[in-house]
Amino acid sequence: MLRLPLVIILCTLAFLSHSAENTAPDGFALLFNGTDFKNWAVPENDGGHWKVEKGIIDYDGKSLAKSKDLWSEKEYSDFTLRVDWRWSGPAKKVKHPHVLPDGTHKKGPDGKDVMEDVDEAGDSGIYVRGNSKSQINLWCWNCGSGEVYGYRMDAKMSPEVKAGVTPKKNMDKPIGEWNTMTITMKGDRLTVVSNGEEVISSAQLPGVQATGKLALQHHGDPIQFKNIYIKELK
């Protein structure tokens, strides 16, 4: 019976694990190939702060570019996007407003926002349809990632819209662990599944563009992305 050296077995298993991890599910296409920035436009004069290492898009939050976000080369209208992400920097205590289920902020007796200490590792997001207002937030606030701040905080939006873009539950994993998010846009409706649970359900984004590029947002914080797949919907 042929006995392979342990090192060969371990290397083979590691390769297979990485290959399977970056294989697009049925019906999806690779938006990130795990090797380079094909399908993406690295910001001009970035200085190497957006980089690919070991199948991961690793961003240290320090781009030197004028426009620092990482944009897709292609525009998308209706789609389902799947992406893994995690915070890669240290956490610190930061005060943030407490977001209520209806999208408003909890108020104190003085009528001001109640601020609470949060373990903050970063702030980022995924732009859909080509603009920052329709941004699915990735952050450490109590409501969890997946909310759409640009609509929730827009005074012109109805209470129904603001509540709709507020996550039903904080499904974020502990800082440093990988999260899996699935984002679906159909018309002006957004659905977000975070780590297996639907946190945004067919929320309306009034006035959202019909088509546009995707972006991984720069917000000055270290963050990593991998396993980015997209399915265009008809």
C-alpha atoms as a PDB file:
ATOM      1  CA  MET A   1       0.000   0.000   0.000  1.00  0.00           C
ATOM      2  CA  LEU A   2       1.399   3.411  -1.013  1.00  0.00           C
ATOM      3  CA  ARG A   3       2.029   5.696   1.951  1.00  0.00           C
ATOM      4  CA  LEU A   4       2.405   9.380   1.143  1.00  0.00           C
ATOM      5  CA  PRO A   5       4.557  11.628   3.344  1.00  0.00           C
ATOM      6  CA  LEU A   6       2.492  13.578   5.865  1.00  0.00           C
ATOM      7  CA  VAL A   7       3.651  16.925   4.463  1.00  0.00           C
ATOM      8  CA  ILE A   8       2.299  16.032   0.992  1.00  0.00           C
ATOM      9  CA  ILE A   9      -1.047  14.988   2.470  1.00  0.00           C
ATOM     10  CA  LEU A  10      -1.353  18.207   4.471  1.00  0.00           C
ATOM     11  CA  CYS A  11      -0.415  20.398   1.503  1.00  0.00           C
ATOM     12  CA  THR A  12      -2.921  18.590  -0.718  1.00  0.00           C
ATOM     13  CA  LEU A  13      -5.707  19.004   1.829  1.00  0.00           C
ATOM     14  CA  ALA A  14      -4.887  22.698   2.216  1.00  0.00           C
ATOM     15  CA  PHE A  15      -4.967  23.186  -1.558  1.00  0.00           C
ATOM     16  CA  LEU A  16      -8.268  21.349  -1.925  1.00  0.00           C
ATOM     17  CA  SER A  17      -9.766  23.302   0.944  1.00  0.00           C
ATOM     18  CA  HIS A  18      -8.744  26.631  -0.623  1.00  0.00           C
ATOM     19  CA  SER A  19      -9.893  25.569  -4.108  1.00  0.00           C
ATOM     20  CA  ALA A  20     -13.309  24.420  -2.897  1.00  0.00           C
ATOM     21  CA  GLU A  21     -13.693  27.580  -0.835  1.00  0.00           C
ATOM     22  CA  ASN A  22     -13.319  29.802  -3.880  1.00  0.00           C
ATOM     23  CA  THR A  23     -15.522  27.769  -6.217  1.00  0.00           C
ATOM     24  CA  ALA A  24     -18.646  29.634  -7.291  1.00  0.00           C
ATOM     25  CA  PRO A  25     -21.936  27.929  -6.332  1.00  0.00           C
ATOM     26  CA  ASP A  26     -24.235  26.754  -9.130  1.00  0.00           C
ATOM     27  CA  GLY A  27     -25.585  29.711 -11.086  1.00  0.00           C
ATOM     28  CA  PHE A  28     -23.019  32.142  -9.687  1.00  0.00           C
ATOM     29  CA  ALA A  29     -19.907  33.636 -11.279  1.00  0.00           C
ATOM     30  CA  LEU A  30     -16.631  34.483  -9.565  1.00  0.00           C
ATOM     31  CA  LEU A  31     -16.412  38.209  -8.934  1.00  0.00           C
ATOM     32  CA  PHE A  32     -13.100  37.734  -7.116  1.00  0.00           C
ATOM     33  CA  ASN A  33     -10.836  34.958  -8.371  1.00  0.00           C
ATOM     34  CA  GLY A  34      -8.689  34.763  -5.243  1.00  0.00           C
ATOM     35  CA  THR A  35      -5.514  35.610  -7.158  1.00  0.00           C
ATOM     36  CA  ASP A  36      -5.685  39.180  -8.450  1.00  0.00           C
ATOM     37  CA  PHE A  37      -8.029  42.119  -9.034  1.00  0.00           C
ATOM     38  CA  LYS A  38      -9.563  40.903 -12.276  1.00  0.00           C
ATOM     39  CA  ASN A  39     -13.161  42.283 -12.416  1.00  0.00           C
ATOM     40  CA  TRP A  40     -12.170  45.146 -10.097  1.00  0.00           C
ATOM     41  CA  ALA A  41     -10.678  48.607 -10.640  1.00  0.00           C
ATOM     42  CA  VAL A  42      -8.002  49.316  -8.049  1.00  0.00           C
ATOM     43  CA  PRO A  43      -8.077  53.029  -7.112  1.00  0.00           C
ATOM     44  CA  GLU A  44      -5.546  55.093  -9.022  1.00  0.00           C
ATOM     45  CA  ASN A  45      -2.476  55.900  -6.894  1.00  0.00           C
ATOM     46  CA  ASP A  46      -3.710  53.572  -4.145  1.00  0.00           C
ATOM     47  CA  GLY A  47      -0.167  52.819  -3.044  1.00  0.00           C
ATOM     48  CA  GLY A  48      -0.704  49.075  -2.657  1.00  0.00           C
ATOM     49  CA  HIS A  49      -3.076  49.299   0.292  1.00  0.00           C
ATOM     50  CA  TRP A  50      -5.742  47.237  -1.480  1.00  0.00           C
ATOM     51  CA  LYS A  51      -3.980  43.916  -2.060  1.00  0.00           C
ATOM     52  CA  VAL A  52      -4.645  40.212  -2.585  1.00  0.00           C
ATOM     53  CA  GLU A  53      -2.967  37.742  -0.244  1.00  0.00           C
ATOM     54  CA  LYS A  54      -3.663  33.996   0.066  1.00  0.00           C
ATOM     55  CA  GLY A  55      -7.080  34.182  -1.598  1.00  0.00           C
ATOM     56  CA  ILE A  56      -8.167  37.222   0.406  1.00  0.00           C
ATOM     57  CA  ILE A  57      -8.707  40.886  -0.467  1.00  0.00           C
ATOM     58  CA  ASP A  58      -6.804  42.528   2.356  1.00  0.00           C
ATOM     59  CA  TYR A  59      -7.278  46.254   2.929  1.00  0.00           C
ATOM     60  CA  ASP A  60      -5.394  48.125   5.639  1.00  0.00           C
ATOM     61  CA  GLY A  61      -7.611  51.225   5.454  1.00  0.00           C
ATOM     62  CA  LYS A  62      -4.791  53.512   4.351  1.00  0.00           C
ATOM     63  CA  SER A  63      -5.249  54.014   0.609  1.00  0.00           C
ATOM     64  CA  LEU A  64      -3.421  57.032  -0.812  1.00  0.00           C
ATOM     65  CA  ALA A  65      -5.875  57.414  -3.703  1.00  0.00           C
ATOM     66  CA  LYS A  66      -8.220  60.367  -4.070  1.00  0.00           C
ATOM     67  CA  SER A  67     -11.178  57.999  -4.488  1.00  0.00           C
ATOM     68  CA  LYS A  68     -10.327  55.104  -2.173  1.00  0.00           C
ATOM     69  CA  ASP A  69     -13.181  52.585  -2.632  1.00  0.00           C
ATOM     70  CA  LEU A  70     -12.654  49.388  -4.634  1.00  0.00           C
ATOM     71  CA  TRP A  71     -15.203  49.348  -7.494  1.00  0.00           C
ATOM     72  CA  SER A  72     -16.300  46.532  -9.758  1.00  0.00           C
ATOM     73  CA  GLU A  73     -15.569  47.044 -13.439  1.00  0.00           C
ATOM     74  CA  LYS A  74     -19.065  45.949 -14.464  1.00  0.00           C
ATOM     75  CA  GLU A  75     -22.462  47.430 -13.677  1.00  0.00           C
ATOM     76  CA  TYR A  76     -25.264  45.293 -12.262  1.00  0.00           C
ATOM     77  CA  SER A  77     -29.006  45.767 -12.031  1.00  0.00           C
ATOM     78  CA  ASP A  78     -30.806  42.819 -10.414  1.00  0.00           C
ATOM     79  CA  PHE A  79     -28.475  40.349  -8.734  1.00  0.00           C
ATOM     80  CA  THR A  80     -27.600  38.179  -5.769  1.00  0.00           C
ATOM     81  CA  LEU A  81     -24.155  38.818  -4.309  1.00  0.00           C
ATOM     82  CA  ARG A  82     -22.455  36.517  -1.828  1.00  0.00           C
ATOM     83  CA  VAL A  83     -19.391  37.659   0.104  1.00  0.00           C
ATOM     84  CA  ASP A  84     -17.365  36.663   3.155  1.00  0.00           C
ATOM     85  CA  TRP A  85     -15.902  39.481   5.244  1.00  0.00           C
ATOM     86  CA  ARG A  86     -14.197  40.062   8.577  1.00  0.00           C
ATOM     87  CA  TRP A  87     -12.543  42.767  10.634  1.00  0.00           C
ATOM     88  CA  SER A  88      -8.769  42.394  10.564  1.00  0.00           C
ATOM     89  CA  GLY A  89      -7.766  45.192  12.934  1.00  0.00           C
ATOM     90  CA  PRO A  90      -7.942  45.634  16.714  1.00  0.00           C
ATOM     91  CA  ALA A  91     -11.091  46.756  18.503  1.00  0.00           C
ATOM     92  CA  LYS A  92     -11.447  49.839  20.666  1.00  0.00           C
ATOM     93  CA  LYS A  93     -14.246  51.307  22.750  1.00  0.00           C
ATOM     94  CA  VAL A  94     -16.313  53.853  20.816  1.00  0.00           C
ATOM     95  CA  LYS A  95     -19.641  55.464  21.701  1.00  0.00           C
ATOM     96  CA  HIS A  96     -22.494  55.043  19.204  1.00  0.00           C
ATOM     97  CA  PRO A  97     -26.251  55.712  19.284  1.00  0.00           C
ATOM     98  CA  HIS A  98     -28.481  52.752  20.117  1.00  0.00           C
ATOM     99  CA  VAL A  99     -30.560  51.900  17.027  1.00  0.00           C
ATOM    100  CA  LEU A 100     -34.132  50.752  17.709  1.00  0.00           C
ATOM    101  CA  PRO A 101     -36.020  48.220  15.538  1.00  0.00           C
ATOM    102  CA  ASP A 102     -37.915  51.015  13.773  1.00  0.00           C
ATOM    103  CA  GLY A 103     -34.642  52.639  12.707  1.00  0.00           C
ATOM    104  CA  THR A 104     -34.782  55.559  15.135  1.00  0.00           C
ATOM    105  CA  HIS A 105     -32.274  56.186  17.925  1.00  0.00           C
ATOM    106  CA  LYS A 106     -33.065  55.535  21.556  1.00  0.00           C
ATOM    107  CA  LYS A 107     -33.545  58.830  23.403  1.00  0.00           C
ATOM    108  CA  GLY A 108     -32.807  59.772  26.985  1.00  0.00           C
ATOM    109  CA  PRO A 109     -34.949  61.951  29.298  1.00  0.00           C
ATOM    110  CA  ASP A 110     -33.224  64.995  27.814  1.00  0.00           C
ATOM    111  CA  GLY A 111     -34.389  64.036  24.313  1.00  0.00           C
ATOM    112  CA  LYS A 112     -30.842  63.359  23.145  1.00  0.00           C
ATOM    113  CA  ASP A 113     -29.522  60.121  21.655  1.00  0.00           C
ATOM    114  CA  VAL A 114     -28.527  57.523  24.215  1.00  0.00           C
ATOM    115  CA  MET A 115     -24.891  56.713  23.510  1.00  0.00           C
ATOM    116  CA  GLU A 116     -23.420  53.337  24.392  1.00  0.00           C
ATOM    117  CA  ASP A 117     -19.925  51.879  24.450  1.00  0.00           C
ATOM    118  CA  VAL A 118     -19.270  49.545  21.526  1.00  0.00           C
ATOM    119  CA  ASP A 119     -16.278  47.363  20.741  1.00  0.00           C
ATOM    120  CA  GLU A 120     -15.468  49.000  17.409  1.00  0.00           C
ATOM    121  CA  ALA A 121     -13.137  47.271  14.956  1.00  0.00           C
ATOM    122  CA  GLY A 122     -14.125  49.215  11.893  1.00  0.00           C
ATOM    123  CA  ASP A 123     -16.700  50.626   9.529  1.00  0.00           C
ATOM    124  CA  SER A 124     -17.149  49.630   5.909  1.00  0.00           C
ATOM    125  CA  GLY A 125     -19.879  48.647   3.507  1.00  0.00           C
ATOM    126  CA  ILE A 126     -20.883  47.371   0.105  1.00  0.00           C
ATOM    127  CA  TYR A 127     -22.256  49.914  -2.370  1.00  0.00           C
ATOM    128  CA  VAL A 128     -24.904  48.642  -4.770  1.00  0.00           C
ATOM    129  CA  ARG A 129     -26.213  50.329  -7.911  1.00  0.00           C
ATOM    130  CA  GLY A 130     -23.267  52.685  -8.097  1.00  0.00           C
ATOM    131  CA  ASN A 131     -23.695  55.030  -5.146  1.00  0.00           C
ATOM    132  CA  SER A 132     -22.950  55.362  -1.447  1.00  0.00           C
ATOM    133  CA  LYS A 133     -26.541  55.995  -0.347  1.00  0.00           C
ATOM    134  CA  SER A 134     -27.537  52.448  -1.272  1.00  0.00           C
ATOM    135  CA  GLN A 135     -24.786  51.034   0.939  1.00  0.00           C
ATOM    136  CA  ILE A 136     -25.164  47.846   2.935  1.00  0.00           C
ATOM    137  CA  ASN A 137     -23.248  48.729   6.070  1.00  0.00           C
ATOM    138  CA  LEU A 138     -20.619  46.556   7.715  1.00  0.00           C
ATOM    139  CA  TRP A 139     -19.957  47.841  11.203  1.00  0.00           C
ATOM    140  CA  CYS A 140     -20.135  47.236  14.958  1.00  0.00           C
ATOM    141  CA  TRP A 141     -23.251  49.138  16.001  1.00  0.00           C
ATOM    142  CA  ASN A 142     -25.844  47.340  18.142  1.00  0.00           C
ATOM    143  CA  CYS A 143     -28.197  46.758  15.184  1.00  0.00           C
ATOM    144  CA  GLY A 144     -25.588  44.715  13.362  1.00  0.00           C
ATOM    145  CA  SER A 145     -24.368  44.774   9.774  1.00  0.00           C
ATOM    146  CA  GLY A 146     -26.710  44.824   6.789  1.00  0.00           C
ATOM    147  CA  GLU A 147     -28.541  48.078   7.482  1.00  0.00           C
ATOM    148  CA  VAL A 148     -28.743  50.914   4.937  1.00  0.00           C
ATOM    149  CA  TYR A 149     -27.699  54.046   6.804  1.00  0.00           C
ATOM    150  CA  GLY A 150     -28.246  56.347   3.837  1.00  0.00           C
ATOM    151  CA  TYR A 151     -31.954  55.509   3.809  1.00  0.00           C
ATOM    152  CA  ARG A 152     -32.460  55.000   7.545  1.00  0.00           C
ATOM    153  CA  MET A 153     -31.147  58.483   8.319  1.00  0.00           C
ATOM    154  CA  ASP A 154     -32.872  60.264   5.422  1.00  0.00           C
ATOM    155  CA  ALA A 155     -35.570  62.507   6.905  1.00  0.00           C
ATOM    156  CA  LYS A 156     -37.504  62.310   3.629  1.00  0.00           C
ATOM    157  CA  MET A 157     -38.012  58.549   3.947  1.00  0.00           C
ATOM    158  CA  SER A 158     -41.194  57.112   5.441  1.00  0.00           C
ATOM    159  CA  PRO A 159     -41.207  55.232   8.777  1.00  0.00           C
ATOM    160  CA  GLU A 160     -41.840  52.032   6.807  1.00  0.00           C
ATOM    161  CA  VAL A 161     -38.719  52.529   4.681  1.00  0.00           C
ATOM    162  CA  LYS A 162     -36.562  53.349   7.726  1.00  0.00           C
ATOM    163  CA  ALA A 163     -37.768  50.294   9.625  1.00  0.00           C
ATOM    164  CA  GLY A 164     -37.334  48.124   6.535  1.00  0.00           C
ATOM    165  CA  VAL A 165     -33.632  48.947   6.150  1.00  0.00           C
ATOM    166  CA  THR A 166     -32.927  48.276   9.846  1.00  0.00           C
ATOM    167  CA  PRO A 167     -31.741  44.712  10.618  1.00  0.00           C
ATOM    168  CA  LYS A 168     -34.227  42.528  12.475  1.00  0.00           C
ATOM    169  CA  LYS A 169     -31.363  41.010  14.448  1.00  0.00           C
ATOM    170  CA  ASN A 170     -27.623  41.456  14.943  1.00  0.00           C
ATOM    171  CA  MET A 171     -26.130  38.348  13.346  1.00  0.00           C
ATOM    172  CA  ASP A 172     -22.502  39.527  13.236  1.00  0.00           C
ATOM    173  CA  LYS A 173     -19.906  37.069  14.473  1.00  0.00           C
ATOM    174  CA  PRO A 174     -17.263  38.087  17.032  1.00  0.00           C
ATOM    175  CA  ILE A 175     -14.629  40.514  15.772  1.00  0.00           C
ATOM    176  CA  GLY A 176     -11.958  38.672  13.803  1.00  0.00           C
ATOM    177  CA  GLU A 177     -14.234  35.831  12.659  1.00  0.00           C
ATOM    178  CA  TRP A 178     -15.514  35.469   9.090  1.00  0.00           C
ATOM    179  CA  ASN A 179     -19.074  36.558   8.293  1.00  0.00           C
ATOM    180  CA  THR A 180     -21.054  35.424   5.246  1.00  0.00           C
ATOM    181  CA  MET A 181     -23.493  37.913   3.702  1.00  0.00           C
ATOM    182  CA  THR A 182     -25.883  37.451   0.795  1.00  0.00           C
ATOM    183  CA  ILE A 183     -27.323  40.589  -0.795  1.00  0.00           C
ATOM    184  CA  THR A 184     -30.179  40.484  -3.313  1.00  0.00           C
ATOM    185  CA  MET A 185     -31.400  43.470  -5.307  1.00  0.00           C
ATOM    186  CA  LYS A 186     -34.555  43.180  -7.432  1.00  0.00           C
ATOM    187  CA  GLY A 187     -35.944  46.449  -8.710  1.00  0.00           C
ATOM    188  CA  ASP A 188     -35.905  48.804  -5.723  1.00  0.00           C
ATOM    189  CA  ARG A 189     -36.116  45.961  -3.189  1.00  0.00           C
ATOM    190  CA  LEU A 190     -33.244  44.765  -1.017  1.00  0.00           C
ATOM    191  CA  THR A 191     -32.912  41.523   0.936  1.00  0.00           C
ATOM    192  CA  VAL A 192     -29.894  40.749   3.122  1.00  0.00           C
ATOM    193  CA  VAL A 193     -29.026  37.418   4.726  1.00  0.00           C
ATOM    194  CA  SER A 194     -26.282  37.573   7.352  1.00  0.00           C
ATOM    195  CA  ASN A 195     -24.698  34.343   8.574  1.00  0.00           C
ATOM    196  CA  GLY A 196     -27.715  32.312   7.537  1.00  0.00           C
ATOM    197  CA  GLU A 197     -30.493  34.568   8.833  1.00  0.00           C
ATOM    198  CA  GLU A 198     -32.528  37.096   6.856  1.00  0.00           C
ATOM    199  CA  VAL A 199     -31.995  40.448   8.552  1.00  0.00           C
ATOM    200  CA  ILE A 200     -33.422  42.714   5.815  1.00  0.00           C
ATOM    201  CA  SER A 201     -36.541  41.470   4.013  1.00  0.00           C
ATOM    202  CA  SER A 202     -37.491  43.039   0.688  1.00  0.00           C
ATOM    203  CA  ALA A 203     -36.840  46.553   1.990  1.00  0.00           C
ATOM    204  CA  GLN A 204     -37.697  49.351  -0.401  1.00  0.00           C
ATOM    205  CA  LEU A 205     -34.985  51.772  -1.501  1.00  0.00           C
ATOM    206  CA  PRO A 206     -36.997  54.580  -3.136  1.00  0.00           C
ATOM    207  CA  GLY A 207     -35.162  56.291  -5.968  1.00  0.00           C
ATOM    208  CA  VAL A 208     -32.334  53.780  -6.118  1.00  0.00           C
ATOM    209  CA  GLN A 209     -30.595  53.673  -9.518  1.00  0.00           C
ATOM    210  CA  ALA A 210     -31.679  50.936 -11.905  1.00  0.00           C
ATOM    211  CA  THR A 211     -28.113  49.802 -12.504  1.00  0.00           C
ATOM    212  CA  GLY A 212     -24.611  50.574 -11.295  1.00  0.00           C
ATOM    213  CA  LYS A 213     -21.305  49.215 -10.119  1.00  0.00           C
ATOM    214  CA  LEU A 214     -20.581  47.526  -6.815  1.00  0.00           C
ATOM    215  CA  ALA A 215     -17.964  48.792  -4.384  1.00  0.00           C
ATOM    216  CA  LEU A 216     -16.141  47.648  -1.284  1.00  0.00           C
ATOM    217  CA  GLN A 217     -16.029  50.769   0.834  1.00  0.00           C
ATOM    218  CA  HIS A 218     -12.979  52.498   2.256  1.00  0.00           C
ATOM    219  CA  HIS A 219     -13.700  53.965   5.677  1.00  0.00           C
ATOM    220  CA  GLY A 220     -10.166  54.112   7.003  1.00  0.00           C
ATOM    221  CA  ASP A 221     -10.329  50.740   8.763  1.00  0.00           C
ATOM    222  CA  PRO A 222      -8.680  47.342   8.129  1.00  0.00           C
ATOM    223  CA  ILE A 223     -11.061  44.770   6.626  1.00  0.00           C
ATOM    224  CA  GLN A 224     -10.814  41.592   4.557  1.00  0.00           C
ATOM    225  CA  PHE A 225     -13.053  40.018   1.906  1.00  0.00           C
ATOM    226  CA  LYS A 226     -13.061  36.641   0.160  1.00  0.00           C
ATOM    227  CA  ASN A 227     -15.344  34.226  -1.734  1.00  0.00           C
ATOM    228  CA  ILE A 228     -17.177  36.927  -3.694  1.00  0.00           C
ATOM    229  CA  TYR A 229     -19.738  35.474  -6.099  1.00  0.00           C
ATOM    230  CA  ILE A 230     -22.539  37.070  -8.111  1.00  0.00           C
ATOM    231  CA  LYS A 231     -25.617  35.837  -9.922  1.00  0.00           C
ATOM    232  CA  GLU A 232     -27.374  38.224 -12.304  1.00  0.00           C
ATOM    233  CA  LEU A 233     -31.165  37.929 -12.108  1.00  0.00           C
ATOM    234  CA  LYS A 234     -33.568  38.328 -14.999  1.00  0.00           C
END
